[in-house]
Amino acid sequence: MSNFINQATGYVKETVGNLTGNEDMKVSGHVQYVRAIGEREIEKSRKEQQKSSDNANNDTFMKRNQESMKVTGGAAQEYFGKLTGNSERERSGHNMRAQTLGEKKLNEKRPKQSQKIQ
């Protein structure tokens, strides 16, 4: 709930800053708004990960969910970095997402244990 309040407060500050020409208030509001969105996405990812781990019954299911969480986490970091102008966070998120998707693609091409010729 506090992320929603921070998001709304940031939006209002940014809007008031735009209307009054107060650049400091506008930037402060934008940062607060974006940070709240990022925190909400991180919390959402944590909840999904916890829910997935509670329901995990086998390695394949767990691995898919871990990959999805890494991709989602990377995308959230990249988006948050873009919105805040933090190029290091943006790059880190992009790299996390790219690495996870690359590993997933590589694993798809490998034969499964049951398909290996003995």
PDB file of N, CA and C in Angstrom:
ATOM      1  N   MET A   1       0.821  -1.197   0.000  1.00  0.00           N
ATOM      2  CA  MET A   1       0.000   0.000   0.000  1.00  0.00           C
ATOM      3  C   MET A   1       0.863   1.257   0.000  1.00  0.00           C
ATOM      4  N   SER A   2       1.998   1.218   0.706  1.00  0.00           N
ATOM      5  CA  SER A   2       2.832   2.417   0.765  1.00  0.00           C
ATOM      6  C   SER A   2       3.431   2.741  -0.601  1.00  0.00           C
ATOM      7  N   ASN A   3       3.700   1.707  -1.432  1.00  0.00           N
ATOM      8  CA  ASN A   3       4.195   1.977  -2.775  1.00  0.00           C
ATOM      9  C   ASN A   3       3.140   2.715  -3.599  1.00  0.00           C
ATOM     10  N   PHE A   4       1.887   2.326  -3.417  1.00  0.00           N
ATOM     11  CA  PHE A   4       0.807   3.016  -4.125  1.00  0.00           C
ATOM     12  C   PHE A   4       0.748   4.481  -3.685  1.00  0.00           C
ATOM     13  N   ILE A   5       0.875   4.720  -2.392  1.00  0.00           N
ATOM     14  CA  ILE A   5       0.844   6.093  -1.863  1.00  0.00           C
ATOM     15  C   ILE A   5       2.036   6.884  -2.390  1.00  0.00           C
ATOM     16  N   ASN A   6       3.232   6.261  -2.388  1.00  0.00           N
ATOM     17  CA  ASN A   6       4.418   6.940  -2.914  1.00  0.00           C
ATOM     18  C   ASN A   6       4.274   7.233  -4.404  1.00  0.00           C
ATOM     19  N   GLN A   7       3.677   6.289  -5.121  1.00  0.00           N
ATOM     20  CA  GLN A   7       3.476   6.491  -6.547  1.00  0.00           C
ATOM     21  C   GLN A   7       2.524   7.660  -6.787  1.00  0.00           C
ATOM     22  N   ALA A   8       1.420   7.681  -6.069  1.00  0.00           N
ATOM     23  CA  ALA A   8       0.437   8.763  -6.223  1.00  0.00           C
ATOM     24  C   ALA A   8       1.033  10.105  -5.808  1.00  0.00           C
ATOM     25  N   THR A   9       1.768  10.111  -4.698  1.00  0.00           N
ATOM     26  CA  THR A   9       2.394  11.354  -4.224  1.00  0.00           C
ATOM     27  C   THR A   9       3.398  11.863  -5.247  1.00  0.00           C
ATOM     28  N   GLY A  10       4.203  10.954  -5.782  1.00  0.00           N
ATOM     29  CA  GLY A  10       5.182  11.345  -6.794  1.00  0.00           C
ATOM     30  C   GLY A  10       4.527  11.920  -8.033  1.00  0.00           C
ATOM     31  N   TYR A  11       3.445  11.294  -8.447  1.00  0.00           N
ATOM     32  CA  TYR A  11       2.721  11.764  -9.626  1.00  0.00           C
ATOM     33  C   TYR A  11       2.178  13.178  -9.393  1.00  0.00           C
ATOM     34  N   VAL A  12       1.608  13.385  -8.214  1.00  0.00           N
ATOM     35  CA  VAL A  12       1.053  14.707  -7.877  1.00  0.00           C
ATOM     36  C   VAL A  12       2.169  15.748  -7.847  1.00  0.00           C
ATOM     37  N   LYS A  13       3.299  15.410  -7.207  1.00  0.00           N
ATOM     38  CA  LYS A  13       4.424  16.355  -7.150  1.00  0.00           C
ATOM     39  C   LYS A  13       4.916  16.706  -8.556  1.00  0.00           C
ATOM     40  N   GLU A  14       5.045  15.686  -9.387  1.00  0.00           N
ATOM     41  CA  GLU A  14       5.522  15.923 -10.747  1.00  0.00           C
ATOM     42  C   GLU A  14       4.548  16.819 -11.511  1.00  0.00           C
ATOM     43  N   THR A  15       3.269  16.564 -11.359  1.00  0.00           N
ATOM     44  CA  THR A  15       2.250  17.360 -12.043  1.00  0.00           C
ATOM     45  C   THR A  15       2.264  18.804 -11.551  1.00  0.00           C
ATOM     46  N   VAL A  16       2.320  18.984 -10.238  1.00  0.00           N
ATOM     47  CA  VAL A  16       2.366  20.338  -9.673  1.00  0.00           C
ATOM     48  C   VAL A  16       3.630  21.055 -10.139  1.00  0.00           C
ATOM     49  N   GLY A  17       4.748  20.336 -10.156  1.00  0.00           N
ATOM     50  CA  GLY A  17       5.997  20.925 -10.649  1.00  0.00           C
ATOM     51  C   GLY A  17       5.883  21.366 -12.096  1.00  0.00           C
ATOM     52  N   ASN A  18       5.219  20.553 -12.912  1.00  0.00           N
ATOM     53  CA  ASN A  18       4.992  20.919 -14.312  1.00  0.00           C
ATOM     54  C   ASN A  18       4.132  22.166 -14.429  1.00  0.00           C
ATOM     55  N   LEU A  19       3.055  22.196 -13.647  1.00  0.00           N
ATOM     56  CA  LEU A  19       2.120  23.313 -13.731  1.00  0.00           C
ATOM     57  C   LEU A  19       2.705  24.623 -13.214  1.00  0.00           C
ATOM     58  N   THR A  20       3.529  24.529 -12.167  1.00  0.00           N
ATOM     59  CA  THR A  20       4.079  25.743 -11.557  1.00  0.00           C
ATOM     60  C   THR A  20       5.441  26.120 -12.121  1.00  0.00           C
ATOM     61  N   GLY A  21       6.031  25.222 -12.908  1.00  0.00           N
ATOM     62  CA  GLY A  21       7.361  25.507 -13.452  1.00  0.00           C
ATOM     63  C   GLY A  21       8.466  25.245 -12.443  1.00  0.00           C
ATOM     64  N   ASN A  22       8.143  24.561 -11.354  1.00  0.00           N
ATOM     65  CA  ASN A  22       9.132  24.241 -10.327  1.00  0.00           C
ATOM     66  C   ASN A  22       9.854  22.958 -10.732  1.00  0.00           C
ATOM     67  N   GLU A  23      11.035  23.114 -11.322  1.00  0.00           N
ATOM     68  CA  GLU A  23      11.790  21.977 -11.869  1.00  0.00           C
ATOM     69  C   GLU A  23      12.217  20.992 -10.772  1.00  0.00           C
ATOM     70  N   ASP A  24      12.610  21.509  -9.592  1.00  0.00           N
ATOM     71  CA  ASP A  24      13.015  20.623  -8.496  1.00  0.00           C
ATOM     72  C   ASP A  24      11.866  19.722  -8.053  1.00  0.00           C
ATOM     73  N   MET A  25      10.682  20.295  -7.919  1.00  0.00           N
ATOM     74  CA  MET A  25       9.521  19.514  -7.503  1.00  0.00           C
ATOM     75  C   MET A  25       9.158  18.504  -8.587  1.00  0.00           C
ATOM     76  N   LYS A  26       9.252  18.924  -9.827  1.00  0.00           N
ATOM     77  CA  LYS A  26       8.938  18.038 -10.945  1.00  0.00           C
ATOM     78  C   LYS A  26       9.873  16.824 -10.947  1.00  0.00           C
ATOM     79  N   VAL A  27      11.168  17.060 -10.818  1.00  0.00           N
ATOM     80  CA  VAL A  27      12.151  15.971 -10.831  1.00  0.00           C
ATOM     81  C   VAL A  27      11.986  15.090  -9.600  1.00  0.00           C
ATOM     82  N   SER A  28      11.813  15.708  -8.449  1.00  0.00           N
ATOM     83  CA  SER A  28      11.620  14.957  -7.207  1.00  0.00           C
ATOM     84  C   SER A  28      10.392  14.053  -7.292  1.00  0.00           C
ATOM     85  N   GLY A  29       9.323  14.598  -7.823  1.00  0.00           N
ATOM     86  CA  GLY A  29       8.094  13.819  -7.978  1.00  0.00           C
ATOM     87  C   GLY A  29       8.263  12.670  -8.954  1.00  0.00           C
ATOM     88  N   HIS A  30       8.958  12.943 -10.047  1.00  0.00           N
ATOM     89  CA  HIS A  30       9.179  11.903 -11.053  1.00  0.00           C
ATOM     90  C   HIS A  30      10.011  10.754 -10.462  1.00  0.00           C
ATOM     91  N   VAL A  31      11.063  11.101  -9.742  1.00  0.00           N
ATOM     92  CA  VAL A  31      11.911  10.076  -9.118  1.00  0.00           C
ATOM     93  C   VAL A  31      11.103   9.253  -8.119  1.00  0.00           C
ATOM     94  N   GLN A  32      10.305   9.900  -7.300  1.00  0.00           N
ATOM     95  CA  GLN A  32       9.483   9.194  -6.320  1.00  0.00           C
ATOM     96  C   GLN A  32       8.474   8.280  -7.012  1.00  0.00           C
ATOM     97  N   TYR A  33       7.876   8.766  -8.067  1.00  0.00           N
ATOM     98  CA  TYR A  33       6.891   7.994  -8.835  1.00  0.00           C
ATOM     99  C   TYR A  33       7.536   6.746  -9.442  1.00  0.00           C
ATOM    100  N   VAL A  34       8.677   6.936 -10.092  1.00  0.00           N
ATOM    101  CA  VAL A  34       9.367   5.834 -10.754  1.00  0.00           C
ATOM    102  C   VAL A  34       9.888   4.819  -9.728  1.00  0.00           C
ATOM    103  N   ARG A  35      10.428   5.311  -8.640  1.00  0.00           N
ATOM    104  CA  ARG A  35      10.942   4.420  -7.599  1.00  0.00           C
ATOM    105  C   ARG A  35       9.808   3.558  -7.035  1.00  0.00           C
ATOM    106  N   ALA A  36       8.663   4.145  -6.827  1.00  0.00           N
ATOM    107  CA  ALA A  36       7.517   3.386  -6.309  1.00  0.00           C
ATOM    108  C   ALA A  36       7.090   2.302  -7.291  1.00  0.00           C
ATOM    109  N   ILE A  37       7.101   2.620  -8.570  1.00  0.00           N
ATOM    110  CA  ILE A  37       6.766   1.617  -9.583  1.00  0.00           C
ATOM    111  C   ILE A  37       7.790   0.483  -9.546  1.00  0.00           C
ATOM    112  N   GLY A  38       9.062   0.829  -9.484  1.00  0.00           N
ATOM    113  CA  GLY A  38      10.112  -0.180  -9.427  1.00  0.00           C
ATOM    114  C   GLY A  38      10.004  -1.059  -8.198  1.00  0.00           C
ATOM    115  N   GLU A  39       9.759  -0.449  -7.052  1.00  0.00           N
ATOM    116  CA  GLU A  39       9.615  -1.213  -5.814  1.00  0.00           C
ATOM    117  C   GLU A  39       8.401  -2.141  -5.886  1.00  0.00           C
ATOM    118  N   ARG A  40       7.329  -1.665  -6.499  1.00  0.00           N
ATOM    119  CA  ARG A  40       6.143  -2.496  -6.644  1.00  0.00           C
ATOM    120  C   ARG A  40       6.439  -3.712  -7.529  1.00  0.00           C
ATOM    121  N   GLU A  41       7.183  -3.489  -8.596  1.00  0.00           N
ATOM    122  CA  GLU A  41       7.543  -4.593  -9.495  1.00  0.00           C
ATOM    123  C   GLU A  41       8.445  -5.606  -8.783  1.00  0.00           C
ATOM    124  N   ILE A  42       9.377  -5.110  -7.995  1.00  0.00           N
ATOM    125  CA  ILE A  42      10.264  -6.006  -7.249  1.00  0.00           C
ATOM    126  C   ILE A  42       9.456  -6.819  -6.247  1.00  0.00           C
ATOM    127  N   GLU A  43       8.566  -6.171  -5.535  1.00  0.00           N
ATOM    128  CA  GLU A  43       7.727  -6.882  -4.556  1.00  0.00           C
ATOM    129  C   GLU A  43       6.831  -7.909  -5.254  1.00  0.00           C
ATOM    130  N   LYS A  44       6.306  -7.529  -6.390  1.00  0.00           N
ATOM    131  CA  LYS A  44       5.467  -8.443  -7.167  1.00  0.00           C
ATOM    132  C   LYS A  44       6.286  -9.670  -7.582  1.00  0.00           C
ATOM    133  N   SER A  45       7.518  -9.448  -8.031  1.00  0.00           N
ATOM    134  CA  SER A  45       8.387 -10.556  -8.420  1.00  0.00           C
ATOM    135  C   SER A  45       8.689 -11.455  -7.232  1.00  0.00           C
ATOM    136  N   ARG A  46       8.953 -10.854  -6.080  1.00  0.00           N
ATOM    137  CA  ARG A  46       9.226 -11.647  -4.870  1.00  0.00           C
ATOM    138  C   ARG A  46       8.026 -12.505  -4.495  1.00  0.00           C
ATOM    139  N   LYS A  47       6.843 -11.934  -4.561  1.00  0.00           N
ATOM    140  CA  LYS A  47       5.636 -12.694  -4.225  1.00  0.00           C
ATOM    141  C   LYS A  47       5.428 -13.839  -5.208  1.00  0.00           C
ATOM    142  N   GLU A  48       5.635 -13.570  -6.490  1.00  0.00           N
ATOM    143  CA  GLU A  48       5.490 -14.623  -7.490  1.00  0.00           C
ATOM    144  C   GLU A  48       6.519 -15.724  -7.280  1.00  0.00           C
ATOM    145  N   GLN A  49       7.739 -15.318  -6.943  1.00  0.00           N
ATOM    146  CA  GLN A  49       8.785 -16.305  -6.702  1.00  0.00           C
ATOM    147  C   GLN A  49       8.455 -17.153  -5.484  1.00  0.00           C
ATOM    148  N   GLN A  50       7.974 -16.530  -4.431  1.00  0.00           N
ATOM    149  CA  GLN A  50       7.605 -17.274  -3.229  1.00  0.00           C
ATOM    150  C   GLN A  50       6.458 -18.232  -3.526  1.00  0.00           C
ATOM    151  N   LYS A  51       5.484 -17.746  -4.253  1.00  0.00           N
ATOM    152  CA  LYS A  51       4.349 -18.578  -4.614  1.00  0.00           C
ATOM    153  C   LYS A  51       4.808 -19.762  -5.465  1.00  0.00           C
ATOM    154  N   SER A  52       5.696 -19.487  -6.400  1.00  0.00           N
ATOM    155  CA  SER A  52       6.220 -20.549  -7.256  1.00  0.00           C
ATOM    156  C   SER A  52       7.014 -21.569  -6.455  1.00  0.00           C
ATOM    157  N   SER A  53       7.830 -21.092  -5.528  1.00  0.00           N
ATOM    158  CA  SER A  53       8.635 -22.033  -4.743  1.00  0.00           C
ATOM    159  C   SER A  53       7.756 -22.860  -3.818  1.00  0.00           C
ATOM    160  N   ASP A  54       6.649 -22.298  -3.351  1.00  0.00           N
ATOM    161  CA  ASP A  54       5.719 -23.053  -2.523  1.00  0.00           C
ATOM    162  C   ASP A  54       5.029 -24.153  -3.317  1.00  0.00           C
ATOM    163  N   ASN A  55       4.816 -23.911  -4.589  1.00  0.00           N
ATOM    164  CA  ASN A  55       4.101 -24.857  -5.439  1.00  0.00           C
ATOM    165  C   ASN A  55       5.016 -25.779  -6.237  1.00  0.00           C
ATOM    166  N   ALA A  56       6.332 -25.565  -6.131  1.00  0.00           N
ATOM    167  CA  ALA A  56       7.271 -26.336  -6.955  1.00  0.00           C
ATOM    168  C   ALA A  56       7.308 -27.794  -6.527  1.00  0.00           C
ATOM    169  N   ASN A  57       7.100 -28.684  -7.497  1.00  0.00           N
ATOM    170  CA  ASN A  57       7.129 -30.113  -7.213  1.00  0.00           C
ATOM    171  C   ASN A  57       8.252 -30.825  -7.949  1.00  0.00           C
ATOM    172  N   ASN A  58       8.821 -30.195  -8.975  1.00  0.00           N
ATOM    173  CA  ASN A  58       9.906 -30.847  -9.683  1.00  0.00           C
ATOM    174  C   ASN A  58      10.913 -29.817 -10.178  1.00  0.00           C
ATOM    175  N   ASP A  59      12.085 -30.308 -10.592  1.00  0.00           N
ATOM    176  CA  ASP A  59      13.178 -29.425 -10.998  1.00  0.00           C
ATOM    177  C   ASP A  59      12.854 -28.604 -12.239  1.00  0.00           C
ATOM    178  N   THR A  60      12.157 -29.184 -13.200  1.00  0.00           N
ATOM    179  CA  THR A  60      11.842 -28.477 -14.436  1.00  0.00           C
ATOM    180  C   THR A  60      10.939 -27.281 -14.167  1.00  0.00           C
ATOM    181  N   PHE A  61       9.909 -27.512 -13.372  1.00  0.00           N
ATOM    182  CA  PHE A  61       8.988 -26.429 -13.018  1.00  0.00           C
ATOM    183  C   PHE A  61       9.743 -25.314 -12.296  1.00  0.00           C
ATOM    184  N   MET A  62      10.578 -25.705 -11.346  1.00  0.00           N
ATOM    185  CA  MET A  62      11.330 -24.727 -10.563  1.00  0.00           C
ATOM    186  C   MET A  62      12.305 -23.954 -11.453  1.00  0.00           C
ATOM    187  N   LYS A  63      12.983 -24.644 -12.352  1.00  0.00           N
ATOM    188  CA  LYS A  63      13.948 -23.989 -13.223  1.00  0.00           C
ATOM    189  C   LYS A  63      13.266 -22.971 -14.136  1.00  0.00           C
ATOM    190  N   ARG A  64      12.122 -23.345 -14.704  1.00  0.00           N
ATOM    191  CA  ARG A  64      11.383 -22.407 -15.559  1.00  0.00           C
ATOM    192  C   ARG A  64      10.981 -21.156 -14.795  1.00  0.00           C
ATOM    193  N   ASN A  65      10.513 -21.342 -13.576  1.00  0.00           N
ATOM    194  CA  ASN A  65      10.098 -20.196 -12.774  1.00  0.00           C
ATOM    195  C   ASN A  65      11.283 -19.326 -12.388  1.00  0.00           C
ATOM    196  N   GLN A  66      12.406 -19.936 -12.081  1.00  0.00           N
ATOM    197  CA  GLN A  66      13.596 -19.150 -11.753  1.00  0.00           C
ATOM    198  C   GLN A  66      14.042 -18.339 -12.968  1.00  0.00           C
ATOM    199  N   GLU A  67      13.995 -18.947 -14.140  1.00  0.00           N
ATOM    200  CA  GLU A  67      14.350 -18.221 -15.363  1.00  0.00           C
ATOM    201  C   GLU A  67      13.402 -17.046 -15.589  1.00  0.00           C
ATOM    202  N   SER A  68      12.124 -17.295 -15.413  1.00  0.00           N
ATOM    203  CA  SER A  68      11.129 -16.226 -15.593  1.00  0.00           C
ATOM    204  C   SER A  68      11.363 -15.089 -14.613  1.00  0.00           C
ATOM    205  N   MET A  69      11.703 -15.438 -13.379  1.00  0.00           N
ATOM    206  CA  MET A  69      11.931 -14.404 -12.367  1.00  0.00           C
ATOM    207  C   MET A  69      13.172 -13.581 -12.698  1.00  0.00           C
ATOM    208  N   LYS A  70      14.214 -14.243 -13.197  1.00  0.00           N
ATOM    209  CA  LYS A  70      15.424 -13.509 -13.583  1.00  0.00           C
ATOM    210  C   LYS A  70      15.137 -12.572 -14.750  1.00  0.00           C
ATOM    211  N   VAL A  71      14.381 -13.053 -15.716  1.00  0.00           N
ATOM    212  CA  VAL A  71      14.039 -12.218 -16.870  1.00  0.00           C
ATOM    213  C   VAL A  71      13.188 -11.038 -16.414  1.00  0.00           C
ATOM    214  N   THR A  72      12.202 -11.304 -15.569  1.00  0.00           N
ATOM    215  CA  THR A  72      11.336 -10.242 -15.065  1.00  0.00           C
ATOM    216  C   THR A  72      12.131  -9.244 -14.216  1.00  0.00           C
ATOM    217  N   GLY A  73      12.980  -9.777 -13.343  1.00  0.00           N
ATOM    218  CA  GLY A  73      13.810  -8.904 -12.507  1.00  0.00           C
ATOM    219  C   GLY A  73      14.741  -8.047 -13.344  1.00  0.00           C
ATOM    220  N   GLY A  74      15.338  -8.649 -14.371  1.00  0.00           N
ATOM    221  CA  GLY A  74      16.212  -7.888 -15.261  1.00  0.00           C
ATOM    222  C   GLY A  74      15.458  -6.807 -16.011  1.00  0.00           C
ATOM    223  N   ALA A  75      14.262  -7.161 -16.478  1.00  0.00           N
ATOM    224  CA  ALA A  75      13.448  -6.176 -17.201  1.00  0.00           C
ATOM    225  C   ALA A  75      13.048  -5.025 -16.283  1.00  0.00           C
ATOM    226  N   ALA A  76      12.709  -5.357 -15.028  1.00  0.00           N
ATOM    227  CA  ALA A  76      12.328  -4.312 -14.070  1.00  0.00           C
ATOM    228  C   ALA A  76      13.513  -3.394 -13.785  1.00  0.00           C
ATOM    229  N   GLN A  77      14.698  -3.984 -13.603  1.00  0.00           N
ATOM    230  CA  GLN A  77      15.890  -3.166 -13.365  1.00  0.00           C
ATOM    231  C   GLN A  77      16.194  -2.283 -14.565  1.00  0.00           C
ATOM    232  N   GLU A  78      16.098  -2.868 -15.753  1.00  0.00           N
ATOM    233  CA  GLU A  78      16.377  -2.103 -16.964  1.00  0.00           C
ATOM    234  C   GLU A  78      15.398  -0.937 -17.102  1.00  0.00           C
ATOM    235  N   TYR A  79      14.121  -1.188 -16.892  1.00  0.00           N
ATOM    236  CA  TYR A  79      13.090  -0.161 -16.989  1.00  0.00           C
ATOM    237  C   TYR A  79      13.309   0.933 -15.941  1.00  0.00           C
ATOM    238  N   PHE A  80      13.583   0.499 -14.710  1.00  0.00           N
ATOM    239  CA  PHE A  80      13.822   1.447 -13.627  1.00  0.00           C
ATOM    240  C   PHE A  80      15.050   2.307 -13.937  1.00  0.00           C
ATOM    241  N   GLY A  81      16.090   1.677 -14.475  1.00  0.00           N
ATOM    242  CA  GLY A  81      17.290   2.418 -14.851  1.00  0.00           C
ATOM    243  C   GLY A  81      17.013   3.451 -15.927  1.00  0.00           C
ATOM    244  N   LYS A  82      16.205   3.070 -16.916  1.00  0.00           N
ATOM    245  CA  LYS A  82      15.848   4.010 -17.983  1.00  0.00           C
ATOM    246  C   LYS A  82      15.080   5.202 -17.424  1.00  0.00           C
ATOM    247  N   LEU A  83      14.104   4.899 -16.583  1.00  0.00           N
ATOM    248  CA  LEU A  83      13.261   5.977 -16.062  1.00  0.00           C
ATOM    249  C   LEU A  83      14.007   6.927 -15.143  1.00  0.00           C
ATOM    250  N   THR A  84      14.973   6.409 -14.409  1.00  0.00           N
ATOM    251  CA  THR A  84      15.707   7.248 -13.457  1.00  0.00           C
ATOM    252  C   THR A  84      16.985   7.809 -14.054  1.00  0.00           C
ATOM    253  N   GLY A  85      17.320   7.388 -15.268  1.00  0.00           N
ATOM    254  CA  GLY A  85      18.546   7.869 -15.879  1.00  0.00           C
ATOM    255  C   GLY A  85      19.780   7.187 -15.321  1.00  0.00           C
ATOM    256  N   ASN A  86      19.602   6.050 -14.658  1.00  0.00           N
ATOM    257  CA  ASN A  86      20.709   5.302 -14.079  1.00  0.00           C
ATOM    258  C   ASN A  86      21.175   4.269 -15.103  1.00  0.00           C
ATOM    259  N   SER A  87      22.169   4.655 -15.902  1.00  0.00           N
ATOM    260  CA  SER A  87      22.599   3.787 -17.006  1.00  0.00           C
ATOM    261  C   SER A  87      23.229   2.486 -16.511  1.00  0.00           C
ATOM    262  N   GLU A  88      23.866   2.508 -15.351  1.00  0.00           N
ATOM    263  CA  GLU A  88      24.464   1.284 -14.817  1.00  0.00           C
ATOM    264  C   GLU A  88      23.383   0.265 -14.450  1.00  0.00           C
ATOM    265  N   ARG A  89      22.316   0.716 -13.802  1.00  0.00           N
ATOM    266  CA  ARG A  89      21.215  -0.189 -13.449  1.00  0.00           C
ATOM    267  C   ARG A  89      20.515  -0.688 -14.721  1.00  0.00           C
ATOM    268  N   GLU A  90      20.348   0.205 -15.674  1.00  0.00           N
ATOM    269  CA  GLU A  90      19.720  -0.182 -16.936  1.00  0.00           C
ATOM    270  C   GLU A  90      20.552  -1.269 -17.626  1.00  0.00           C
ATOM    271  N   ARG A  91      21.862  -1.055 -17.680  1.00  0.00           N
ATOM    272  CA  ARG A  91      22.761  -2.017 -18.323  1.00  0.00           C
ATOM    273  C   ARG A  91      22.777  -3.342 -17.559  1.00  0.00           C
ATOM    274  N   SER A  92      22.806  -3.267 -16.232  1.00  0.00           N
ATOM    275  CA  SER A  92      22.796  -4.471 -15.400  1.00  0.00           C
ATOM    276  C   SER A  92      21.533  -5.292 -15.628  1.00  0.00           C
ATOM    277  N   GLY A  93      20.395  -4.631 -15.685  1.00  0.00           N
ATOM    278  CA  GLY A  93      19.128  -5.315 -15.937  1.00  0.00           C
ATOM    279  C   GLY A  93      19.092  -5.950 -17.309  1.00  0.00           C
ATOM    280  N   HIS A  94      19.587  -5.204 -18.284  1.00  0.00           N
ATOM    281  CA  HIS A  94      19.627  -5.732 -19.648  1.00  0.00           C
ATOM    282  C   HIS A  94      20.516  -6.974 -19.717  1.00  0.00           C
ATOM    283  N   ASN A  95      21.679  -6.896 -19.084  1.00  0.00           N
ATOM    284  CA  ASN A  95      22.606  -8.028 -19.094  1.00  0.00           C
ATOM    285  C   ASN A  95      22.014  -9.247 -18.395  1.00  0.00           C
ATOM    286  N   MET A  96      21.325  -9.033 -17.273  1.00  0.00           N
ATOM    287  CA  MET A  96      20.700 -10.141 -16.547  1.00  0.00           C
ATOM    288  C   MET A  96      19.660 -10.821 -17.425  1.00  0.00           C
ATOM    289  N   ARG A  97      18.861 -10.022 -18.062  1.00  0.00           N
ATOM    290  CA  ARG A  97      17.806 -10.554 -18.927  1.00  0.00           C
ATOM    291  C   ARG A  97      18.402 -11.305 -20.120  1.00  0.00           C
ATOM    292  N   ALA A  98      19.404 -10.705 -20.756  1.00  0.00           N
ATOM    293  CA  ALA A  98      20.021 -11.317 -21.932  1.00  0.00           C
ATOM    294  C   ALA A  98      20.712 -12.633 -21.570  1.00  0.00           C
ATOM    295  N   GLN A  99      21.425 -12.645 -20.460  1.00  0.00           N
ATOM    296  CA  GLN A  99      22.119 -13.860 -20.045  1.00  0.00           C
ATOM    297  C   GLN A  99      21.130 -14.981 -19.753  1.00  0.00           C
ATOM    298  N   THR A 100      20.066 -14.662 -19.044  1.00  0.00           N
ATOM    299  CA  THR A 100      19.077 -15.677 -18.698  1.00  0.00           C
ATOM    300  C   THR A 100      18.397 -16.230 -19.946  1.00  0.00           C
ATOM    301  N   LEU A 101      18.025 -15.344 -20.867  1.00  0.00           N
ATOM    302  CA  LEU A 101      17.384 -15.806 -22.101  1.00  0.00           C
ATOM    303  C   LEU A 101      18.354 -16.629 -22.948  1.00  0.00           C
ATOM    304  N   GLY A 102      19.634 -16.244 -22.956  1.00  0.00           N
ATOM    305  CA  GLY A 102      20.638 -16.999 -23.692  1.00  0.00           C
ATOM    306  C   GLY A 102      20.830 -18.392 -23.112  1.00  0.00           C
ATOM    307  N   GLU A 103      20.896 -18.475 -21.772  1.00  0.00           N
ATOM    308  CA  GLU A 103      21.041 -19.776 -21.122  1.00  0.00           C
ATOM    309  C   GLU A 103      19.817 -20.652 -21.386  1.00  0.00           C
ATOM    310  N   LYS A 104      18.651 -20.049 -21.368  1.00  0.00           N
ATOM    311  CA  LYS A 104      17.418 -20.794 -21.626  1.00  0.00           C
ATOM    312  C   LYS A 104      17.433 -21.372 -23.036  1.00  0.00           C
ATOM    313  N   LYS A 105      17.823 -20.554 -24.006  1.00  0.00           N
ATOM    314  CA  LYS A 105      17.872 -21.000 -25.394  1.00  0.00           C
ATOM    315  C   LYS A 105      18.897 -22.114 -25.563  1.00  0.00           C
ATOM    316  N   LEU A 106      20.042 -21.973 -24.926  1.00  0.00           N
ATOM    317  CA  LEU A 106      21.080 -22.985 -24.995  1.00  0.00           C
ATOM    318  C   LEU A 106      20.595 -24.298 -24.393  1.00  0.00           C
ATOM    319  N   ASN A 107      19.908 -24.236 -23.267  1.00  0.00           N
ATOM    320  CA  ASN A 107      19.392 -25.437 -22.619  1.00  0.00           C
ATOM    321  C   ASN A 107      18.306 -26.119 -23.447  1.00  0.00           C
ATOM    322  N   GLU A 108      17.554 -25.350 -24.206  1.00  0.00           N
ATOM    323  CA  GLU A 108      16.526 -25.930 -25.072  1.00  0.00           C
ATOM    324  C   GLU A 108      17.146 -26.774 -26.179  1.00  0.00           C
ATOM    325  N   LYS A 109      18.351 -26.390 -26.625  1.00  0.00           N
ATOM    326  CA  LYS A 109      19.012 -27.101 -27.712  1.00  0.00           C
ATOM    327  C   LYS A 109      19.713 -28.371 -27.236  1.00  0.00           C
ATOM    328  N   ARG A 110      20.026 -28.455 -25.954  1.00  0.00           N
ATOM    329  CA  ARG A 110      20.695 -29.632 -25.412  1.00  0.00           C
ATOM    330  C   ARG A 110      19.705 -30.782 -25.311  1.00  0.00           C
ATOM    331  N   PRO A 111      20.157 -32.004 -25.617  1.00  0.00           N
ATOM    332  CA  PRO A 111      19.250 -33.143 -25.472  1.00  0.00           C
ATOM    333  C   PRO A 111      18.970 -33.414 -24.000  1.00  0.00           C
ATOM    334  N   LYS A 112      17.753 -33.825 -23.735  1.00  0.00           N
ATOM    335  CA  LYS A 112      17.360 -34.164 -22.366  1.00  0.00           C
ATOM    336  C   LYS A 112      17.968 -35.504 -22.001  1.00  0.00           C
ATOM    337  N   GLN A 113      18.051 -35.781 -20.709  1.00  0.00           N
ATOM    338  CA  GLN A 113      18.657 -37.017 -20.228  1.00  0.00           C
ATOM    339  C   GLN A 113      18.040 -38.238 -20.894  1.00  0.00           C
ATOM    340  N   SER A 114      16.727 -38.265 -21.033  1.00  0.00           N
ATOM    341  CA  SER A 114      16.037 -39.427 -21.594  1.00  0.00           C
ATOM    342  C   SER A 114      16.272 -39.567 -23.091  1.00  0.00           C
ATOM    343  N   GLN A 115      16.726 -38.495 -23.758  1.00  0.00           N
ATOM    344  CA  GLN A 115      16.933 -38.542 -25.191  1.00  0.00           C
ATOM    345  C   GLN A 115      18.368 -38.878 -25.576  1.00  0.00           C
ATOM    346  N   LYS A 116      19.288 -38.872 -24.612  1.00  0.00           N
ATOM    347  CA  LYS A 116      20.690 -39.144 -24.907  1.00  0.00           C
ATOM    348  C   LYS A 116      20.862 -40.580 -25.364  1.00  0.00           C
ATOM    349  N   ILE A 117      21.726 -40.749 -26.352  1.00  0.00           N
ATOM    350  CA  ILE A 117      22.040 -42.090 -26.849  1.00  0.00           C
ATOM    351  C   ILE A 117      23.124 -42.668 -25.953  1.00  0.00           C
ATOM    352  N   GLN A 118      22.909 -43.881 -25.505  1.00  0.00           N
ATOM    353  CA  GLN A 118      23.889 -44.488 -24.599  1.00  0.00           C
ATOM    354  C   GLN A 118      24.728 -45.510 -25.289  1.00  0.00           C
TER     355      GLN A 118
END
